[in-house]
Amino acid sequence: MSVSLSSHFLPLHKPTRFNHPGYHSRPRKCNWVRAASSAAPGIDLTSLESAIAKKDSDAVKKALDQLTEVGWAKKWSSQPYVSRRTTSLRELTSLGIKNAENLAIPSVRNDAAFLFTVVGTTGFLGVLAGQLPGDWGFFVPYLIGSISLIVLAVGSISPGLLQAAIGGFSTFFPDYQDRIARHEAAHFLVGYLLGLPILGYSLDIGKEHVNLIDQRLEKLIYSGQLDAKELDRLAVVAMAGLAAEGLQYDKVIGQSADLFSLQRFINRSKPQLSKDQQQNLTRWAVLFAASLIKNNRALHEALISTMSKKGTVLECIEAIEKAD
């Protein structure tokens, strides 16, 4: 959409952002069987690469549609139809989602570990400092102990700074990088399968997101006129990261931004959904996204590998199309 779905799309963790390309390039005629790309003999991906570089969503869609016609982009928009239905937690569990009943509960693992480390470390250093001779043994422990209070004060006054510190600390968890890559790759893959053009992504700490751009959807979101069909598509992509984590881990860590993005889409839709309908939409979107990921596991794993190596968007698309 010229909607940039940050891990919605989403970062693991940032609210959805909107990109406004400052230009609209005129579509070019494409010579698809010209110079070969490394992806496939006889297939030229130059037009697709150019469209991605220009952040031109219409050109990206056109290029991928033409690549589909010549038999290369077979995965692109291969799941264009989604249809919401009543979904139970039991279905999520049966599909392989771990602890489905806790998916919407924000995780405090990283926050708790960070604060415990700060308090524990300052407490230990304070005890050691108490052994210093003279007045030093009196004042230094108090100074060290005040660090915990300063951290809490910063969190109250400027939560963003505290979150940045927690984000940096979270990299010490052995599963951190895999979680981010798995989460963002899910948004990327599901968006691609549903026919939403991807123009960028990031796995950098604090900037995790996937950008899906479509000017028509952008206008619908801005005007608050998303219909049920478009809401369902966006909901599935928004819940993809959460679903990917739920299939792999006992505890989901990066669901807050995904749920924020979904709620934002719900608030921009017509007609408005009741609380029960919103809850069902969330469950169904997780189920549908998880089914796509599970049924396309090889594609997901190939994309995770490419994104972890900081591959370009074009290389990510090639990874999806090459995977069996």
C-alpha atoms as a PDB file:
ATOM      1  CA  MET A   1       0.000   0.000   0.000  1.00  0.00           C
ATOM      2  CA  SER A   2       1.740   3.278  -0.166  1.00  0.00           C
ATOM      3  CA  VAL A   3       0.992   2.006   3.180  1.00  0.00           C
ATOM      4  CA  SER A   4       4.127   0.905   4.866  1.00  0.00           C
ATOM      5  CA  LEU A   5       3.184  -1.882   7.170  1.00  0.00           C
ATOM      6  CA  SER A   6       5.902  -1.932   9.722  1.00  0.00           C
ATOM      7  CA  SER A   7       6.079  -5.154  11.509  1.00  0.00           C
ATOM      8  CA  HIS A   8       2.673  -4.934  11.413  1.00  0.00           C
ATOM      9  CA  PHE A   9       4.268  -5.093   9.387  1.00  0.00           C
ATOM     10  CA  LEU A  10       5.320  -4.836  10.691  1.00  0.00           C
ATOM     11  CA  PRO A  11       8.264  -4.018  13.288  1.00  0.00           C
ATOM     12  CA  LEU A  12       8.618  -6.511  15.635  1.00  0.00           C
ATOM     13  CA  HIS A  13       7.664  -3.565  17.175  1.00  0.00           C
ATOM     14  CA  LYS A  14       6.957  -0.276  15.736  1.00  0.00           C
ATOM     15  CA  PRO A  15       3.621   1.187  14.771  1.00  0.00           C
ATOM     16  CA  THR A  16       2.632   1.082  11.129  1.00  0.00           C
ATOM     17  CA  ARG A  17       4.235   3.801   9.086  1.00  0.00           C
ATOM     18  CA  PHE A  18       3.103   5.431   5.884  1.00  0.00           C
ATOM     19  CA  ASN A  19       5.427   6.173   3.017  1.00  0.00           C
ATOM     20  CA  HIS A  20       4.607   8.733   0.383  1.00  0.00           C
ATOM     21  CA  PRO A  21       6.660   8.292  -2.773  1.00  0.00           C
ATOM     22  CA  GLY A  22       7.425  11.707  -4.182  1.00  0.00           C
ATOM     23  CA  TYR A  23       7.127  10.601  -7.742  1.00  0.00           C
ATOM     24  CA  HIS A  24       5.305   8.170  -9.962  1.00  0.00           C
ATOM     25  CA  SER A  25       7.342   6.795 -12.787  1.00  0.00           C
ATOM     26  CA  ARG A  26       5.772   6.031 -16.114  1.00  0.00           C
ATOM     27  CA  PRO A  27       5.445   2.264 -16.698  1.00  0.00           C
ATOM     28  CA  ARG A  28       8.040   0.911 -19.054  1.00  0.00           C
ATOM     29  CA  LYS A  29       7.714  -1.838 -21.582  1.00  0.00           C
ATOM     30  CA  CYS A  30       9.584  -4.838 -20.276  1.00  0.00           C
ATOM     31  CA  ASN A  31      11.697  -7.200 -22.308  1.00  0.00           C
ATOM     32  CA  TRP A  32      11.322 -10.216 -20.026  1.00  0.00           C
ATOM     33  CA  VAL A  33      13.396 -12.635 -22.067  1.00  0.00           C
ATOM     34  CA  ARG A  34      16.445 -10.477 -22.385  1.00  0.00           C
ATOM     35  CA  ALA A  35      19.507 -10.666 -20.177  1.00  0.00           C
ATOM     36  CA  ALA A  36      19.189 -13.430 -17.629  1.00  0.00           C
ATOM     37  CA  SER A  37      19.167 -12.790 -13.895  1.00  0.00           C
ATOM     38  CA  SER A  38      20.966 -15.095 -11.522  1.00  0.00           C
ATOM     39  CA  ALA A  39      17.488 -16.257 -10.529  1.00  0.00           C
ATOM     40  CA  ALA A  40      16.405 -17.923 -13.773  1.00  0.00           C
ATOM     41  CA  PRO A  41      17.852 -18.325 -17.260  1.00  0.00           C
ATOM     42  CA  GLY A  42      16.142 -16.097 -19.789  1.00  0.00           C
ATOM     43  CA  ILE A  43      14.333 -13.978 -17.203  1.00  0.00           C
ATOM     44  CA  ASP A  44      15.184 -10.310 -16.785  1.00  0.00           C
ATOM     45  CA  LEU A  45      14.442  -8.853 -13.347  1.00  0.00           C
ATOM     46  CA  THR A  46      15.750  -5.376 -14.127  1.00  0.00           C
ATOM     47  CA  SER A  47      12.302  -3.763 -14.251  1.00  0.00           C
ATOM     48  CA  LEU A  48      11.329  -5.299 -10.920  1.00  0.00           C
ATOM     49  CA  GLU A  49      14.574  -4.180  -9.318  1.00  0.00           C
ATOM     50  CA  SER A  50      14.105  -0.661 -10.683  1.00  0.00           C
ATOM     51  CA  ALA A  51      10.522  -0.460  -9.416  1.00  0.00           C
ATOM     52  CA  ILE A  52      11.576  -1.555  -5.931  1.00  0.00           C
ATOM     53  CA  ALA A  53      14.373   1.018  -5.887  1.00  0.00           C
ATOM     54  CA  LYS A  54      11.913   3.771  -6.860  1.00  0.00           C
ATOM     55  CA  LYS A  55       9.370   2.676  -4.226  1.00  0.00           C
ATOM     56  CA  ASP A  56       6.802   2.495  -7.022  1.00  0.00           C
ATOM     57  CA  SER A  57       4.193   0.014  -5.793  1.00  0.00           C
ATOM     58  CA  ASP A  58       2.188  -0.016  -9.026  1.00  0.00           C
ATOM     59  CA  ALA A  59       5.313  -0.783 -11.056  1.00  0.00           C
ATOM     60  CA  VAL A  60       6.317  -3.538  -8.608  1.00  0.00           C
ATOM     61  CA  LYS A  61       2.906  -5.170  -8.927  1.00  0.00           C
ATOM     62  CA  LYS A  62       2.974  -4.862 -12.700  1.00  0.00           C
ATOM     63  CA  ALA A  63       6.469  -6.339 -12.905  1.00  0.00           C
ATOM     64  CA  LEU A  64       5.547  -9.269 -10.681  1.00  0.00           C
ATOM     65  CA  ASP A  65       2.301  -9.862 -12.591  1.00  0.00           C
ATOM     66  CA  GLN A  66       4.266 -10.019 -15.846  1.00  0.00           C
ATOM     67  CA  LEU A  67       6.831 -12.346 -14.290  1.00  0.00           C
ATOM     68  CA  THR A  68       3.949 -14.580 -13.242  1.00  0.00           C
ATOM     69  CA  GLU A  69       2.677 -14.647 -16.824  1.00  0.00           C
ATOM     70  CA  VAL A  70       6.042 -15.881 -18.098  1.00  0.00           C
ATOM     71  CA  GLY A  71       6.139 -18.584 -15.443  1.00  0.00           C
ATOM     72  CA  TRP A  72       8.712 -17.201 -12.975  1.00  0.00           C
ATOM     73  CA  ALA A  73       6.889 -15.468 -10.075  1.00  0.00           C
ATOM     74  CA  LYS A  74       4.659 -18.448  -9.322  1.00  0.00           C
ATOM     75  CA  LYS A  75       4.358 -17.694  -5.611  1.00  0.00           C
ATOM     76  CA  TRP A  76       3.389 -14.041  -6.084  1.00  0.00           C
ATOM     77  CA  SER A  77      -0.284 -13.488  -5.221  1.00  0.00           C
ATOM     78  CA  SER A  78      -0.818 -17.254  -5.143  1.00  0.00           C
ATOM     79  CA  GLN A  79      -3.210 -16.859  -2.185  1.00  0.00           C
ATOM     80  CA  PRO A  80      -5.279 -13.842  -3.258  1.00  0.00           C
ATOM     81  CA  TYR A  81      -8.543 -14.899  -1.630  1.00  0.00           C
ATOM     82  CA  VAL A  82      -9.169 -14.854   2.094  1.00  0.00           C
ATOM     83  CA  SER A  83     -12.498 -15.381   3.783  1.00  0.00           C
ATOM     84  CA  ARG A  84     -13.057 -14.794   7.471  1.00  0.00           C
ATOM     85  CA  ARG A  85     -14.897 -17.385   9.517  1.00  0.00           C
ATOM     86  CA  THR A  86     -15.557 -18.184  13.146  1.00  0.00           C
ATOM     87  CA  THR A  87     -12.372 -19.552  14.729  1.00  0.00           C
ATOM     88  CA  SER A  88     -11.731 -21.165  18.107  1.00  0.00           C
ATOM     89  CA  LEU A  89      -8.595 -21.394  20.238  1.00  0.00           C
ATOM     90  CA  ARG A  90      -8.702 -25.160  19.800  1.00  0.00           C
ATOM     91  CA  GLU A  91      -8.091 -24.732  16.065  1.00  0.00           C
ATOM     92  CA  LEU A  92      -4.991 -22.659  16.773  1.00  0.00           C
ATOM     93  CA  THR A  93      -3.684 -25.325  19.135  1.00  0.00           C
ATOM     94  CA  SER A  94      -4.458 -28.111  16.664  1.00  0.00           C
ATOM     95  CA  LEU A  95      -2.501 -26.276  13.967  1.00  0.00           C
ATOM     96  CA  GLY A  96       0.569 -26.161  16.204  1.00  0.00           C
ATOM     97  CA  ILE A  97       0.352 -22.733  17.857  1.00  0.00           C
ATOM     98  CA  LYS A  98       1.860 -23.053  21.324  1.00  0.00           C
ATOM     99  CA  ASN A  99       0.004 -21.480  24.262  1.00  0.00           C
ATOM    100  CA  ALA A 100      -2.637 -20.037  21.941  1.00  0.00           C
ATOM    101  CA  GLU A 101      -4.613 -18.639  24.868  1.00  0.00           C
ATOM    102  CA  ASN A 102      -1.705 -16.329  25.754  1.00  0.00           C
ATOM    103  CA  LEU A 103      -0.931 -14.956  22.296  1.00  0.00           C
ATOM    104  CA  ALA A 104      -2.451 -11.540  22.997  1.00  0.00           C
ATOM    105  CA  ILE A 105      -0.743 -11.104  26.366  1.00  0.00           C
ATOM    106  CA  PRO A 106       2.301  -8.828  25.949  1.00  0.00           C
ATOM    107  CA  SER A 107       5.534 -10.468  27.017  1.00  0.00           C
ATOM    108  CA  VAL A 108       7.574  -8.874  29.801  1.00  0.00           C
ATOM    109  CA  ARG A 109      10.524 -11.254  29.457  1.00  0.00           C
ATOM    110  CA  ASN A 110      12.957  -8.705  28.075  1.00  0.00           C
ATOM    111  CA  ASP A 111      11.787  -5.933  30.407  1.00  0.00           C
ATOM    112  CA  ALA A 112      11.995  -8.122  33.495  1.00  0.00           C
ATOM    113  CA  ALA A 113      15.420  -9.493  32.562  1.00  0.00           C
ATOM    114  CA  PHE A 114      16.776  -5.983  31.975  1.00  0.00           C
ATOM    115  CA  LEU A 115      15.459  -4.553  35.246  1.00  0.00           C
ATOM    116  CA  PHE A 116      16.553  -7.628  37.212  1.00  0.00           C
ATOM    117  CA  THR A 117      20.046  -7.290  35.754  1.00  0.00           C
ATOM    118  CA  VAL A 118      20.244  -3.581  36.577  1.00  0.00           C
ATOM    119  CA  VAL A 119      18.985  -4.022  40.141  1.00  0.00           C
ATOM    120  CA  GLY A 120      21.037  -7.158  40.740  1.00  0.00           C
ATOM    121  CA  THR A 121      24.241  -5.679  39.366  1.00  0.00           C
ATOM    122  CA  THR A 122      23.940  -2.373  41.214  1.00  0.00           C
ATOM    123  CA  GLY A 123      23.052  -4.219  44.420  1.00  0.00           C
ATOM    124  CA  PHE A 124      26.095  -6.469  44.125  1.00  0.00           C
ATOM    125  CA  LEU A 125      28.401  -3.537  43.345  1.00  0.00           C
ATOM    126  CA  GLY A 126      26.887  -1.592  46.221  1.00  0.00           C
ATOM    127  CA  VAL A 127      27.773  -4.375  48.646  1.00  0.00           C
ATOM    128  CA  LEU A 128      31.334  -4.470  47.338  1.00  0.00           C
ATOM    129  CA  ALA A 129      31.607  -0.689  47.527  1.00  0.00           C
ATOM    130  CA  GLY A 130      30.575  -0.875  51.167  1.00  0.00           C
ATOM    131  CA  GLN A 131      33.938  -2.420  51.909  1.00  0.00           C
ATOM    132  CA  LEU A 132      35.769   0.724  50.814  1.00  0.00           C
ATOM    133  CA  PRO A 133      37.608   2.561  53.592  1.00  0.00           C
ATOM    134  CA  GLY A 134      36.321   5.667  55.306  1.00  0.00           C
ATOM    135  CA  ASP A 135      33.564   7.828  53.863  1.00  0.00           C
ATOM    136  CA  TRP A 136      33.947   6.132  50.487  1.00  0.00           C
ATOM    137  CA  GLY A 137      32.333   3.037  51.922  1.00  0.00           C
ATOM    138  CA  PHE A 138      29.341   5.139  52.896  1.00  0.00           C
ATOM    139  CA  PHE A 139      28.735   7.375  49.883  1.00  0.00           C
ATOM    140  CA  VAL A 140      29.672   5.096  46.948  1.00  0.00           C
ATOM    141  CA  PRO A 141      27.047   2.410  47.729  1.00  0.00           C
ATOM    142  CA  TYR A 142      24.359   5.112  47.785  1.00  0.00           C
ATOM    143  CA  LEU A 143      25.560   6.484  44.457  1.00  0.00           C
ATOM    144  CA  ILE A 144      25.536   3.022  42.883  1.00  0.00           C
ATOM    145  CA  GLY A 145      22.142   2.233  44.370  1.00  0.00           C
ATOM    146  CA  SER A 146      20.692   5.382  42.838  1.00  0.00           C
ATOM    147  CA  ILE A 147      21.322   3.968  39.334  1.00  0.00           C
ATOM    148  CA  SER A 148      18.234   1.757  39.626  1.00  0.00           C
ATOM    149  CA  LEU A 149      16.125   4.758  40.611  1.00  0.00           C
ATOM    150  CA  ILE A 150      17.510   6.755  37.669  1.00  0.00           C
ATOM    151  CA  VAL A 151      16.606   3.932  35.278  1.00  0.00           C
ATOM    152  CA  LEU A 152      13.040   3.853  36.613  1.00  0.00           C
ATOM    153  CA  ALA A 153      12.814   7.648  36.380  1.00  0.00           C
ATOM    154  CA  VAL A 154      13.952   7.595  32.764  1.00  0.00           C
ATOM    155  CA  GLY A 155      11.338   4.937  32.031  1.00  0.00           C
ATOM    156  CA  SER A 156       8.632   7.175  33.481  1.00  0.00           C
ATOM    157  CA  ILE A 157       9.725  10.383  31.778  1.00  0.00           C
ATOM    158  CA  SER A 158      10.942   8.980  28.453  1.00  0.00           C
ATOM    159  CA  PRO A 159       9.750   5.389  27.882  1.00  0.00           C
ATOM    160  CA  GLY A 160      11.351   5.375  24.434  1.00  0.00           C
ATOM    161  CA  LEU A 161      14.839   5.644  25.889  1.00  0.00           C
ATOM    162  CA  LEU A 162      14.182   2.781  28.284  1.00  0.00           C
ATOM    163  CA  GLN A 163      12.782   0.640  25.474  1.00  0.00           C
ATOM    164  CA  ALA A 164      15.884   1.328  23.401  1.00  0.00           C
ATOM    165  CA  ALA A 165      18.044   0.150  26.282  1.00  0.00           C
ATOM    166  CA  ILE A 166      15.900  -2.949  26.741  1.00  0.00           C
ATOM    167  CA  GLY A 167      16.067  -3.612  23.005  1.00  0.00           C
ATOM    168  CA  GLY A 168      19.840  -3.492  23.071  1.00  0.00           C
ATOM    169  CA  PHE A 169      19.947  -5.724  26.132  1.00  0.00           C
ATOM    170  CA  SER A 170      17.618  -8.227  24.442  1.00  0.00           C
ATOM    171  CA  THR A 171      20.281  -9.085  21.885  1.00  0.00           C
ATOM    172  CA  PHE A 172      21.982 -11.149  24.584  1.00  0.00           C
ATOM    173  CA  PHE A 173      19.159 -13.679  24.422  1.00  0.00           C
ATOM    174  CA  PRO A 174      20.299 -16.543  22.156  1.00  0.00           C
ATOM    175  CA  ASP A 175      16.957 -16.649  20.312  1.00  0.00           C
ATOM    176  CA  TYR A 176      16.716 -12.893  19.700  1.00  0.00           C
ATOM    177  CA  GLN A 177      18.048 -12.651  16.137  1.00  0.00           C
ATOM    178  CA  ASP A 178      16.182 -15.780  15.042  1.00  0.00           C
ATOM    179  CA  ARG A 179      12.949 -14.412  16.481  1.00  0.00           C
ATOM    180  CA  ILE A 180      13.303 -11.131  14.622  1.00  0.00           C
ATOM    181  CA  ALA A 181      14.186 -12.783  11.318  1.00  0.00           C
ATOM    182  CA  ARG A 182      11.417 -15.381  11.683  1.00  0.00           C
ATOM    183  CA  HIS A 183       8.887 -12.713  12.640  1.00  0.00           C
ATOM    184  CA  GLU A 184       9.698 -10.266   9.856  1.00  0.00           C
ATOM    185  CA  ALA A 185      10.118 -13.002   7.242  1.00  0.00           C
ATOM    186  CA  ALA A 186       6.575 -14.123   8.051  1.00  0.00           C
ATOM    187  CA  HIS A 187       5.185 -10.648   7.354  1.00  0.00           C
ATOM    188  CA  PHE A 188       7.188 -10.512   4.123  1.00  0.00           C
ATOM    189  CA  LEU A 189       6.174 -13.983   2.916  1.00  0.00           C
ATOM    190  CA  VAL A 190       2.477 -13.739   3.759  1.00  0.00           C
ATOM    191  CA  GLY A 191       2.225 -10.290   2.190  1.00  0.00           C
ATOM    192  CA  TYR A 192       3.901 -11.616  -0.958  1.00  0.00           C
ATOM    193  CA  LEU A 193       1.590 -14.650  -1.150  1.00  0.00           C
ATOM    194  CA  LEU A 194      -1.450 -12.389  -0.743  1.00  0.00           C
ATOM    195  CA  GLY A 195      -0.294 -10.040  -3.504  1.00  0.00           C
ATOM    196  CA  LEU A 196       0.906  -7.053  -1.471  1.00  0.00           C
ATOM    197  CA  PRO A 197       4.099  -5.537  -2.937  1.00  0.00           C
ATOM    198  CA  ILE A 198       7.056  -5.353  -0.557  1.00  0.00           C
ATOM    199  CA  LEU A 199       9.404  -2.414  -0.952  1.00  0.00           C
ATOM    200  CA  GLY A 200      11.700  -2.770   2.031  1.00  0.00           C
ATOM    201  CA  TYR A 201      12.454  -4.351   5.385  1.00  0.00           C
ATOM    202  CA  SER A 202      14.792  -3.985   8.340  1.00  0.00           C
ATOM    203  CA  LEU A 203      16.059  -6.295  11.069  1.00  0.00           C
ATOM    204  CA  ASP A 204      17.984  -3.557  12.864  1.00  0.00           C
ATOM    205  CA  ILE A 205      17.310  -3.225  16.578  1.00  0.00           C
ATOM    206  CA  GLY A 206      14.453  -0.812  17.183  1.00  0.00           C
ATOM    207  CA  LYS A 207      13.711  -0.566  13.457  1.00  0.00           C
ATOM    208  CA  GLU A 208      12.397  -4.041  12.738  1.00  0.00           C
ATOM    209  CA  HIS A 209       9.711  -3.845  10.102  1.00  0.00           C
ATOM    210  CA  VAL A 210       8.565  -4.881   6.653  1.00  0.00           C
ATOM    211  CA  ASN A 211       7.246  -2.213   4.281  1.00  0.00           C
ATOM    212  CA  LEU A 212       4.315  -3.207   2.112  1.00  0.00           C
ATOM    213  CA  ILE A 213       3.132  -0.434  -0.132  1.00  0.00           C
ATOM    214  CA  ASP A 214      -0.138  -0.093  -2.006  1.00  0.00           C
ATOM    215  CA  GLN A 215      -1.485   3.339  -2.854  1.00  0.00           C
ATOM    216  CA  ARG A 216      -5.105   2.214  -3.133  1.00  0.00           C
ATOM    217  CA  LEU A 217      -5.088   0.665   0.324  1.00  0.00           C
ATOM    218  CA  GLU A 218      -3.330   3.716   1.694  1.00  0.00           C
ATOM    219  CA  LYS A 219      -6.222   5.902   0.598  1.00  0.00           C
ATOM    220  CA  LEU A 220      -8.748   3.518   2.160  1.00  0.00           C
ATOM    221  CA  ILE A 221      -6.873   3.523   5.464  1.00  0.00           C
ATOM    222  CA  TYR A 222      -6.541   7.310   5.521  1.00  0.00           C
ATOM    223  CA  SER A 223     -10.241   7.755   4.793  1.00  0.00           C
ATOM    224  CA  GLY A 224     -11.331   5.062   7.256  1.00  0.00           C
ATOM    225  CA  GLN A 225     -13.090   3.152   4.486  1.00  0.00           C
ATOM    226  CA  LEU A 226     -11.460  -0.292   4.634  1.00  0.00           C
ATOM    227  CA  ASP A 227     -14.042  -2.907   3.683  1.00  0.00           C
ATOM    228  CA  ALA A 228     -14.221  -6.408   5.139  1.00  0.00           C
ATOM    229  CA  LYS A 229     -12.240  -7.951   2.278  1.00  0.00           C
ATOM    230  CA  GLU A 230      -9.283  -5.591   2.567  1.00  0.00           C
ATOM    231  CA  LEU A 231      -9.390  -5.683   6.367  1.00  0.00           C
ATOM    232  CA  ASP A 232      -9.121  -9.472   6.256  1.00  0.00           C
ATOM    233  CA  ARG A 233      -6.036  -9.333   4.004  1.00  0.00           C
ATOM    234  CA  LEU A 234      -4.307  -6.749   6.165  1.00  0.00           C
ATOM    235  CA  ALA A 235      -5.236  -8.637   9.331  1.00  0.00           C
ATOM    236  CA  VAL A 236      -3.600 -11.819   8.036  1.00  0.00           C
ATOM    237  CA  VAL A 237      -0.363 -10.003   7.202  1.00  0.00           C
ATOM    238  CA  ALA A 238      -0.434  -8.134  10.519  1.00  0.00           C
ATOM    239  CA  MET A 239      -0.738 -11.394  12.480  1.00  0.00           C
ATOM    240  CA  ALA A 240       1.856 -13.284  10.425  1.00  0.00           C
ATOM    241  CA  GLY A 241       4.801 -12.417  12.669  1.00  0.00           C
ATOM    242  CA  LEU A 242       2.912 -13.400  15.801  1.00  0.00           C
ATOM    243  CA  ALA A 243       1.811 -16.641  14.127  1.00  0.00           C
ATOM    244  CA  ALA A 244       5.369 -17.513  13.088  1.00  0.00           C
ATOM    245  CA  GLU A 245       6.639 -17.059  16.637  1.00  0.00           C
ATOM    246  CA  GLY A 246       3.714 -19.071  18.010  1.00  0.00           C
ATOM    247  CA  LEU A 247       4.545 -21.996  15.734  1.00  0.00           C
ATOM    248  CA  GLN A 248       8.197 -22.010  16.822  1.00  0.00           C
ATOM    249  CA  TYR A 249       8.318 -20.841  20.445  1.00  0.00           C
ATOM    250  CA  ASP A 250       6.388 -21.488  23.633  1.00  0.00           C
ATOM    251  CA  LYS A 251       6.210 -17.755  24.325  1.00  0.00           C
ATOM    252  CA  VAL A 252       5.576 -14.992  21.774  1.00  0.00           C
ATOM    253  CA  ILE A 253       7.684 -11.864  22.357  1.00  0.00           C
ATOM    254  CA  GLY A 254       6.940  -9.535  19.431  1.00  0.00           C
ATOM    255  CA  GLN A 255       3.152  -9.401  19.391  1.00  0.00           C
ATOM    256  CA  SER A 256       2.565  -5.887  20.760  1.00  0.00           C
ATOM    257  CA  ALA A 257       3.244  -3.984  17.524  1.00  0.00           C
ATOM    258  CA  ASP A 258       1.345  -6.564  15.472  1.00  0.00           C
ATOM    259  CA  LEU A 259      -1.736  -6.214  17.655  1.00  0.00           C
ATOM    260  CA  PHE A 260      -1.391  -2.424  17.594  1.00  0.00           C
ATOM    261  CA  SER A 261      -1.350  -2.470  13.793  1.00  0.00           C
ATOM    262  CA  LEU A 262      -4.338  -4.793  13.606  1.00  0.00           C
ATOM    263  CA  GLN A 263      -6.331  -2.561  15.953  1.00  0.00           C
ATOM    264  CA  ARG A 264      -5.425   0.423  13.816  1.00  0.00           C
ATOM    265  CA  PHE A 265      -6.802  -1.298  10.723  1.00  0.00           C
ATOM    266  CA  ILE A 266      -9.945  -2.309  12.589  1.00  0.00           C
ATOM    267  CA  ASN A 267     -10.491   1.297  13.666  1.00  0.00           C
ATOM    268  CA  ARG A 268     -10.215   2.386  10.012  1.00  0.00           C
ATOM    269  CA  SER A 269     -12.721  -0.152   8.682  1.00  0.00           C
ATOM    270  CA  LYS A 270     -16.402   0.070   7.801  1.00  0.00           C
ATOM    271  CA  PRO A 271     -18.665  -1.212   9.227  1.00  0.00           C
ATOM    272  CA  GLN A 272     -17.255  -1.134  12.745  1.00  0.00           C
ATOM    273  CA  LEU A 273     -16.712  -4.503  14.413  1.00  0.00           C
ATOM    274  CA  SER A 274     -18.009  -5.464  17.836  1.00  0.00           C
ATOM    275  CA  LYS A 275     -15.542  -6.664  20.493  1.00  0.00           C
ATOM    276  CA  ASP A 276     -16.495 -10.287  19.827  1.00  0.00           C
ATOM    277  CA  GLN A 277     -16.017  -9.774  16.091  1.00  0.00           C
ATOM    278  CA  GLN A 278     -12.608  -8.184  16.688  1.00  0.00           C
ATOM    279  CA  GLN A 279     -11.548 -11.115  18.854  1.00  0.00           C
ATOM    280  CA  ASN A 280     -12.668 -13.578  16.198  1.00  0.00           C
ATOM    281  CA  LEU A 281     -10.894 -11.617  13.462  1.00  0.00           C
ATOM    282  CA  THR A 282      -7.670 -11.798  15.457  1.00  0.00           C
ATOM    283  CA  ARG A 283      -7.955 -15.553  15.999  1.00  0.00           C
ATOM    284  CA  TRP A 284      -8.887 -16.226  12.395  1.00  0.00           C
ATOM    285  CA  ALA A 285      -6.057 -14.045  11.056  1.00  0.00           C
ATOM    286  CA  VAL A 286      -3.529 -15.880  13.236  1.00  0.00           C
ATOM    287  CA  LEU A 287      -4.926 -19.216  12.055  1.00  0.00           C
ATOM    288  CA  PHE A 288      -4.861 -18.251   8.372  1.00  0.00           C
ATOM    289  CA  ALA A 289      -1.363 -16.767   8.578  1.00  0.00           C
ATOM    290  CA  ALA A 290      -0.047 -19.770  10.511  1.00  0.00           C
ATOM    291  CA  SER A 291      -1.545 -22.119   7.904  1.00  0.00           C
ATOM    292  CA  LEU A 292       0.200 -20.243   5.092  1.00  0.00           C
ATOM    293  CA  ILE A 293       3.508 -20.312   6.947  1.00  0.00           C
ATOM    294  CA  LYS A 294       3.203 -23.980   7.846  1.00  0.00           C
ATOM    295  CA  ASN A 295       2.210 -24.977   4.316  1.00  0.00           C
ATOM    296  CA  ASN A 296       5.091 -22.926   2.887  1.00  0.00           C
ATOM    297  CA  ARG A 297       7.734 -23.771   5.486  1.00  0.00           C
ATOM    298  CA  ALA A 298      10.514 -24.184   2.921  1.00  0.00           C
ATOM    299  CA  LEU A 299       9.798 -20.717   1.527  1.00  0.00           C
ATOM    300  CA  HIS A 300       9.750 -19.223   5.011  1.00  0.00           C
ATOM    301  CA  GLU A 301      13.056 -20.818   6.008  1.00  0.00           C
ATOM    302  CA  ALA A 302      14.702 -19.714   2.760  1.00  0.00           C
ATOM    303  CA  LEU A 303      13.487 -16.167   3.349  1.00  0.00           C
ATOM    304  CA  ILE A 304      14.710 -16.194   6.961  1.00  0.00           C
ATOM    305  CA  SER A 305      18.161 -17.203   5.741  1.00  0.00           C
ATOM    306  CA  THR A 306      18.260 -14.462   3.088  1.00  0.00           C
ATOM    307  CA  MET A 307      16.978 -11.738   5.399  1.00  0.00           C
ATOM    308  CA  SER A 308      19.455 -12.764   8.122  1.00  0.00           C
ATOM    309  CA  LYS A 309      22.208 -12.150   5.588  1.00  0.00           C
ATOM    310  CA  LYS A 310      20.702  -8.705   4.874  1.00  0.00           C
ATOM    311  CA  GLY A 311      19.756  -9.636   1.340  1.00  0.00           C
ATOM    312  CA  THR A 312      18.005  -7.070  -0.852  1.00  0.00           C
ATOM    313  CA  VAL A 313      14.246  -7.161  -1.390  1.00  0.00           C
ATOM    314  CA  LEU A 314      14.869  -8.609  -4.848  1.00  0.00           C
ATOM    315  CA  GLU A 315      17.090 -11.329  -3.377  1.00  0.00           C
ATOM    316  CA  CYS A 316      14.370 -12.118  -0.865  1.00  0.00           C
ATOM    317  CA  ILE A 317      11.823 -12.480  -3.658  1.00  0.00           C
ATOM    318  CA  GLU A 318      14.239 -14.711  -5.553  1.00  0.00           C
ATOM    319  CA  ALA A 319      14.693 -16.843  -2.425  1.00  0.00           C
ATOM    320  CA  ILE A 320      10.928 -17.332  -2.188  1.00  0.00           C
ATOM    321  CA  GLU A 321      10.577 -18.242  -5.856  1.00  0.00           C
ATOM    322  CA  LYS A 322      13.563 -20.632  -5.797  1.00  0.00           C
ATOM    323  CA  ALA A 323      12.496 -22.519  -2.674  1.00  0.00           C
ATOM    324  CA  ASP A 324      10.656 -25.787  -3.123  1.00  0.00           C
END
